[in-house]
Amino acid sequence: MDLSEFKIATAIVRCEPSGREVVVVHDTKLMDAIHQTGLGLGQSCDGVALCGFCRVTILNGGDNLSPVECEEEKILASLHAGDTERLACCAVVHGPVTLTTTYW
């Protein structure tokens, strides 16, 4: 049996300014990755893309996240978010990402 077929793609998610990192498998929600670092993340909607409190700023690796979809786009627009901001409950990791938020 060739075990190379069973390789699982992983990525590092790094949170600044703490420098905390976690290795996650691809297709992990960014919110779950952040929780694995032990850092707190605002939310009041249980991660179902309603409140916008989990907004983060992507410092590097924005192309390694899933594209912004309709519901996330609406919330980000209502928050007057910048081009590098994402909702951690919506963004899915597909490669290395470095991020921050205003309250860390």
N, C-alpha and C. Protein backbone atom coordinates (compact mmCIF):
# COMPACT_ATOMS: atom_id res chain seq x y z
N MET A 1 0.84 -1.17 0.00
CA MET A 1 0.00 0.00 0.00
C MET A 1 0.89 1.24 0.00
N ASP A 2 0.58 2.18 -0.87
CA ASP A 2 1.31 3.43 -0.97
C ASP A 2 0.69 4.46 -0.03
N LEU A 3 1.38 4.78 1.05
CA LEU A 3 0.84 5.70 2.05
C LEU A 3 0.83 7.15 1.59
N SER A 4 1.50 7.47 0.49
CA SER A 4 1.50 8.85 0.00
C SER A 4 0.09 9.29 -0.41
N GLU A 5 -0.79 8.34 -0.67
CA GLU A 5 -2.17 8.67 -1.00
C GLU A 5 -2.91 9.28 0.18
N PHE A 6 -2.40 9.05 1.37
CA PHE A 6 -3.09 9.47 2.58
C PHE A 6 -2.52 10.74 3.20
N LYS A 7 -1.75 11.47 2.45
CA LYS A 7 -1.21 12.73 2.95
C LYS A 7 -2.35 13.72 3.15
N ILE A 8 -2.32 14.38 4.27
CA ILE A 8 -3.34 15.37 4.59
C ILE A 8 -2.70 16.74 4.50
N ALA A 9 -3.30 17.62 3.71
CA ALA A 9 -2.77 18.97 3.55
C ALA A 9 -3.02 19.78 4.82
N THR A 10 -1.97 20.42 5.31
CA THR A 10 -2.08 21.24 6.52
C THR A 10 -1.55 22.64 6.23
N ALA A 11 -1.88 23.56 7.12
CA ALA A 11 -1.41 24.94 7.00
C ALA A 11 -1.21 25.52 8.39
N ILE A 12 -0.32 26.49 8.48
CA ILE A 12 -0.08 27.20 9.73
C ILE A 12 -0.92 28.46 9.74
N VAL A 13 -1.65 28.65 10.84
CA VAL A 13 -2.38 29.90 11.08
C VAL A 13 -1.66 30.59 12.22
N ARG A 14 -1.21 31.81 11.96
CA ARG A 14 -0.43 32.58 12.94
C ARG A 14 -1.22 33.82 13.35
N CYS A 15 -1.28 34.07 14.65
CA CYS A 15 -2.00 35.22 15.19
C CYS A 15 -1.00 36.22 15.75
N GLU A 16 -1.09 37.45 15.29
CA GLU A 16 -0.20 38.52 15.76
C GLU A 16 -1.00 39.49 16.62
N PRO A 17 -0.42 40.14 17.57
CA PRO A 17 1.01 40.23 17.83
C PRO A 17 1.56 39.15 18.77
N SER A 18 0.73 38.22 19.20
CA SER A 18 1.18 37.20 20.15
C SER A 18 2.17 36.21 19.54
N GLY A 19 2.08 36.00 18.23
CA GLY A 19 2.93 35.01 17.58
C GLY A 19 2.44 33.59 17.75
N ARG A 20 1.29 33.41 18.36
CA ARG A 20 0.76 32.05 18.54
C ARG A 20 0.41 31.45 17.18
N GLU A 21 0.77 30.19 17.03
CA GLU A 21 0.53 29.47 15.77
C GLU A 21 -0.16 28.15 16.05
N VAL A 22 -0.88 27.69 15.06
CA VAL A 22 -1.49 26.37 15.12
C VAL A 22 -1.42 25.77 13.72
N VAL A 23 -1.23 24.47 13.65
CA VAL A 23 -1.27 23.76 12.38
C VAL A 23 -2.64 23.12 12.27
N VAL A 24 -3.33 23.42 11.17
CA VAL A 24 -4.67 22.88 10.95
C VAL A 24 -4.73 22.20 9.60
N VAL A 25 -5.66 21.30 9.44
CA VAL A 25 -5.87 20.70 8.12
C VAL A 25 -6.61 21.69 7.24
N HIS A 26 -6.37 21.59 5.95
CA HIS A 26 -7.10 22.44 5.01
C HIS A 26 -8.60 22.22 5.20
N ASP A 27 -9.37 23.25 4.94
CA ASP A 27 -10.83 23.27 5.08
C ASP A 27 -11.28 23.48 6.52
N THR A 28 -10.37 23.88 7.40
CA THR A 28 -10.73 24.25 8.76
C THR A 28 -11.24 25.69 8.75
N LYS A 29 -12.33 25.95 9.47
CA LYS A 29 -12.80 27.34 9.60
C LYS A 29 -11.74 28.14 10.35
N LEU A 30 -11.53 29.35 9.92
CA LEU A 30 -10.55 30.22 10.56
C LEU A 30 -10.87 30.41 12.04
N MET A 31 -12.14 30.50 12.37
CA MET A 31 -12.56 30.63 13.78
C MET A 31 -12.07 29.45 14.61
N ASP A 32 -12.20 28.24 14.09
CA ASP A 32 -11.74 27.06 14.81
C ASP A 32 -10.23 27.08 15.00
N ALA A 33 -9.51 27.53 13.98
CA ALA A 33 -8.05 27.62 14.09
C ALA A 33 -7.66 28.61 15.17
N ILE A 34 -8.32 29.76 15.22
CA ILE A 34 -8.01 30.76 16.23
C ILE A 34 -8.30 30.22 17.63
N HIS A 35 -9.41 29.55 17.79
CA HIS A 35 -9.73 28.96 19.10
C HIS A 35 -8.66 27.97 19.53
N GLN A 36 -8.08 27.24 18.57
CA GLN A 36 -7.04 26.27 18.91
C GLN A 36 -5.77 26.94 19.43
N THR A 37 -5.56 28.22 19.10
CA THR A 37 -4.39 28.94 19.62
C THR A 37 -4.59 29.34 21.08
N GLY A 38 -5.83 29.29 21.56
CA GLY A 38 -6.13 29.70 22.92
C GLY A 38 -6.47 31.17 23.05
N LEU A 39 -6.47 31.90 21.95
CA LEU A 39 -6.82 33.31 21.98
C LEU A 39 -8.34 33.48 21.93
N GLY A 40 -8.83 34.50 22.61
CA GLY A 40 -10.25 34.79 22.57
C GLY A 40 -10.65 35.45 21.26
N LEU A 41 -11.87 35.19 20.84
CA LEU A 41 -12.38 35.77 19.60
C LEU A 41 -13.83 36.15 19.83
N GLY A 42 -14.17 37.40 19.53
CA GLY A 42 -15.52 37.88 19.74
C GLY A 42 -16.52 37.13 18.87
N GLN A 43 -17.68 36.87 19.46
CA GLN A 43 -18.80 36.29 18.70
C GLN A 43 -20.04 36.30 19.58
N SER A 44 -21.17 36.52 18.97
CA SER A 44 -22.42 36.43 19.73
C SER A 44 -23.46 35.61 18.97
N CYS A 45 -23.10 35.13 17.80
CA CYS A 45 -24.06 34.38 16.98
C CYS A 45 -23.70 32.91 16.86
N ASP A 46 -22.77 32.43 17.69
CA ASP A 46 -22.31 31.04 17.63
C ASP A 46 -21.70 30.67 16.28
N GLY A 47 -21.11 31.65 15.61
CA GLY A 47 -20.38 31.38 14.38
C GLY A 47 -21.23 31.09 13.16
N VAL A 48 -22.40 31.70 13.08
CA VAL A 48 -23.28 31.46 11.93
C VAL A 48 -23.42 32.69 11.04
N ALA A 49 -22.42 33.57 11.06
CA ALA A 49 -22.35 34.72 10.16
C ALA A 49 -23.51 35.69 10.31
N LEU A 50 -23.77 36.09 11.55
CA LEU A 50 -24.82 37.08 11.79
C LEU A 50 -24.31 38.35 12.45
N CYS A 51 -23.32 38.23 13.35
CA CYS A 51 -22.98 39.38 14.18
C CYS A 51 -21.78 40.20 13.70
N GLY A 52 -20.81 39.58 13.07
CA GLY A 52 -19.63 40.29 12.62
C GLY A 52 -18.58 40.54 13.68
N PHE A 53 -18.80 40.05 14.91
CA PHE A 53 -17.83 40.28 15.99
C PHE A 53 -16.53 39.50 15.79
N CYS A 54 -16.53 38.51 14.93
CA CYS A 54 -15.32 37.70 14.71
C CYS A 54 -14.46 38.26 13.57
N ARG A 55 -14.65 39.53 13.27
CA ARG A 55 -13.88 40.17 12.19
C ARG A 55 -12.40 40.20 12.54
N VAL A 56 -11.59 39.76 11.60
CA VAL A 56 -10.13 39.77 11.75
C VAL A 56 -9.52 40.45 10.54
N THR A 57 -8.30 40.91 10.70
CA THR A 57 -7.54 41.50 9.60
C THR A 57 -6.49 40.50 9.16
N ILE A 58 -6.48 40.20 7.88
CA ILE A 58 -5.52 39.25 7.32
C ILE A 58 -4.26 40.02 6.95
N LEU A 59 -3.15 39.66 7.58
CA LEU A 59 -1.87 40.32 7.33
C LEU A 59 -1.12 39.68 6.18
N ASN A 60 -1.20 38.36 6.08
CA ASN A 60 -0.55 37.60 5.00
C ASN A 60 -1.39 36.37 4.71
N GLY A 61 -1.40 35.95 3.45
CA GLY A 61 -2.06 34.71 3.08
C GLY A 61 -3.54 34.82 2.78
N GLY A 62 -4.02 36.00 2.50
CA GLY A 62 -5.44 36.17 2.19
C GLY A 62 -5.90 35.30 1.04
N ASP A 63 -5.00 35.05 0.09
CA ASP A 63 -5.34 34.19 -1.05
C ASP A 63 -5.49 32.73 -0.64
N ASN A 64 -5.05 32.40 0.57
CA ASN A 64 -5.15 31.03 1.07
C ASN A 64 -6.42 30.78 1.85
N LEU A 65 -7.35 31.72 1.77
CA LEU A 65 -8.66 31.56 2.41
C LEU A 65 -9.73 31.39 1.33
N SER A 66 -10.82 30.79 1.71
CA SER A 66 -11.94 30.64 0.77
C SER A 66 -12.41 32.02 0.32
N PRO A 67 -13.00 32.10 -0.87
CA PRO A 67 -13.51 33.40 -1.33
C PRO A 67 -14.65 33.90 -0.44
N VAL A 68 -14.81 35.21 -0.39
CA VAL A 68 -15.91 35.82 0.35
C VAL A 68 -17.22 35.48 -0.38
N GLU A 69 -18.17 34.95 0.38
CA GLU A 69 -19.47 34.62 -0.19
C GLU A 69 -20.49 35.67 0.22
N CYS A 70 -21.69 35.56 -0.29
CA CYS A 70 -22.72 36.57 -0.20
C CYS A 70 -23.01 37.04 1.23
N GLU A 71 -23.27 36.13 2.16
CA GLU A 71 -23.62 36.53 3.52
C GLU A 71 -22.47 37.26 4.21
N GLU A 72 -21.26 36.74 4.05
CA GLU A 72 -20.10 37.40 4.64
C GLU A 72 -19.92 38.78 4.03
N GLU A 73 -20.08 38.88 2.73
CA GLU A 73 -19.93 40.16 2.04
C GLU A 73 -20.92 41.20 2.57
N LYS A 74 -22.15 40.78 2.81
CA LYS A 74 -23.17 41.70 3.35
C LYS A 74 -22.77 42.23 4.73
N ILE A 75 -22.31 41.32 5.59
CA ILE A 75 -21.94 41.73 6.94
C ILE A 75 -20.71 42.64 6.90
N LEU A 76 -19.72 42.27 6.12
CA LEU A 76 -18.52 43.10 6.02
C LEU A 76 -18.86 44.48 5.48
N ALA A 77 -19.75 44.55 4.51
CA ALA A 77 -20.16 45.85 3.97
C ALA A 77 -20.86 46.69 5.03
N SER A 78 -21.71 46.06 5.82
CA SER A 78 -22.43 46.79 6.87
C SER A 78 -21.48 47.30 7.95
N LEU A 79 -20.34 46.64 8.11
CA LEU A 79 -19.33 47.05 9.09
C LEU A 79 -18.31 48.03 8.49
N HIS A 80 -18.46 48.34 7.20
CA HIS A 80 -17.50 49.19 6.48
C HIS A 80 -16.09 48.62 6.59
N ALA A 81 -15.99 47.31 6.47
CA ALA A 81 -14.71 46.59 6.61
C ALA A 81 -13.79 46.87 5.42
N GLY A 82 -12.50 46.78 5.69
CA GLY A 82 -11.51 46.96 4.64
C GLY A 82 -11.32 45.70 3.82
N ASP A 83 -10.56 45.83 2.76
CA ASP A 83 -10.33 44.71 1.83
C ASP A 83 -9.62 43.53 2.47
N THR A 84 -8.88 43.76 3.53
CA THR A 84 -8.12 42.68 4.17
C THR A 84 -8.84 42.09 5.37
N GLU A 85 -10.09 42.49 5.59
CA GLU A 85 -10.83 41.98 6.74
C GLU A 85 -11.75 40.84 6.33
N ARG A 86 -11.85 39.86 7.21
CA ARG A 86 -12.71 38.69 6.98
C ARG A 86 -13.43 38.34 8.27
N LEU A 87 -14.51 37.59 8.14
CA LEU A 87 -15.18 37.02 9.30
C LEU A 87 -14.60 35.63 9.52
N ALA A 88 -14.07 35.40 10.72
CA ALA A 88 -13.42 34.13 11.01
C ALA A 88 -14.39 32.96 10.95
N CYS A 89 -15.68 33.22 11.15
CA CYS A 89 -16.66 32.12 11.10
C CYS A 89 -16.98 31.71 9.66
N CYS A 90 -16.59 32.53 8.70
CA CYS A 90 -16.90 32.23 7.29
C CYS A 90 -15.68 31.77 6.50
N ALA A 91 -14.53 32.33 6.81
CA ALA A 91 -13.31 32.04 6.05
C ALA A 91 -12.81 30.63 6.36
N VAL A 92 -12.45 29.92 5.31
CA VAL A 92 -11.94 28.55 5.42
C VAL A 92 -10.48 28.54 4.98
N VAL A 93 -9.64 27.89 5.76
CA VAL A 93 -8.19 27.86 5.53
C VAL A 93 -7.84 26.85 4.44
N HIS A 94 -7.04 27.32 3.45
CA HIS A 94 -6.52 26.47 2.38
C HIS A 94 -5.01 26.59 2.24
N GLY A 95 -4.38 27.29 3.18
CA GLY A 95 -2.94 27.50 3.15
C GLY A 95 -2.55 28.40 4.30
N PRO A 96 -1.25 28.73 4.44
CA PRO A 96 -0.79 29.52 5.57
C PRO A 96 -1.41 30.92 5.60
N VAL A 97 -1.76 31.36 6.82
CA VAL A 97 -2.41 32.66 7.02
C VAL A 97 -1.85 33.30 8.28
N THR A 98 -1.64 34.61 8.23
CA THR A 98 -1.28 35.39 9.40
C THR A 98 -2.35 36.47 9.56
N LEU A 99 -2.82 36.63 10.80
CA LEU A 99 -3.93 37.56 11.03
C LEU A 99 -3.80 38.26 12.36
N THR A 100 -4.63 39.27 12.56
CA THR A 100 -4.71 39.99 13.82
C THR A 100 -6.13 40.50 13.97
N THR A 101 -6.41 41.06 15.13
CA THR A 101 -7.66 41.76 15.36
C THR A 101 -7.35 42.92 16.30
N THR A 102 -8.27 43.85 16.43
CA THR A 102 -8.01 45.07 17.18
C THR A 102 -7.86 44.85 18.68
N TYR A 103 -8.34 43.76 19.22
CA TYR A 103 -8.36 43.59 20.67
C TYR A 103 -7.37 42.56 21.21
N TRP A 104 -6.42 42.13 20.41
CA TRP A 104 -5.38 41.24 20.94
C TRP A 104 -4.18 42.05 21.36
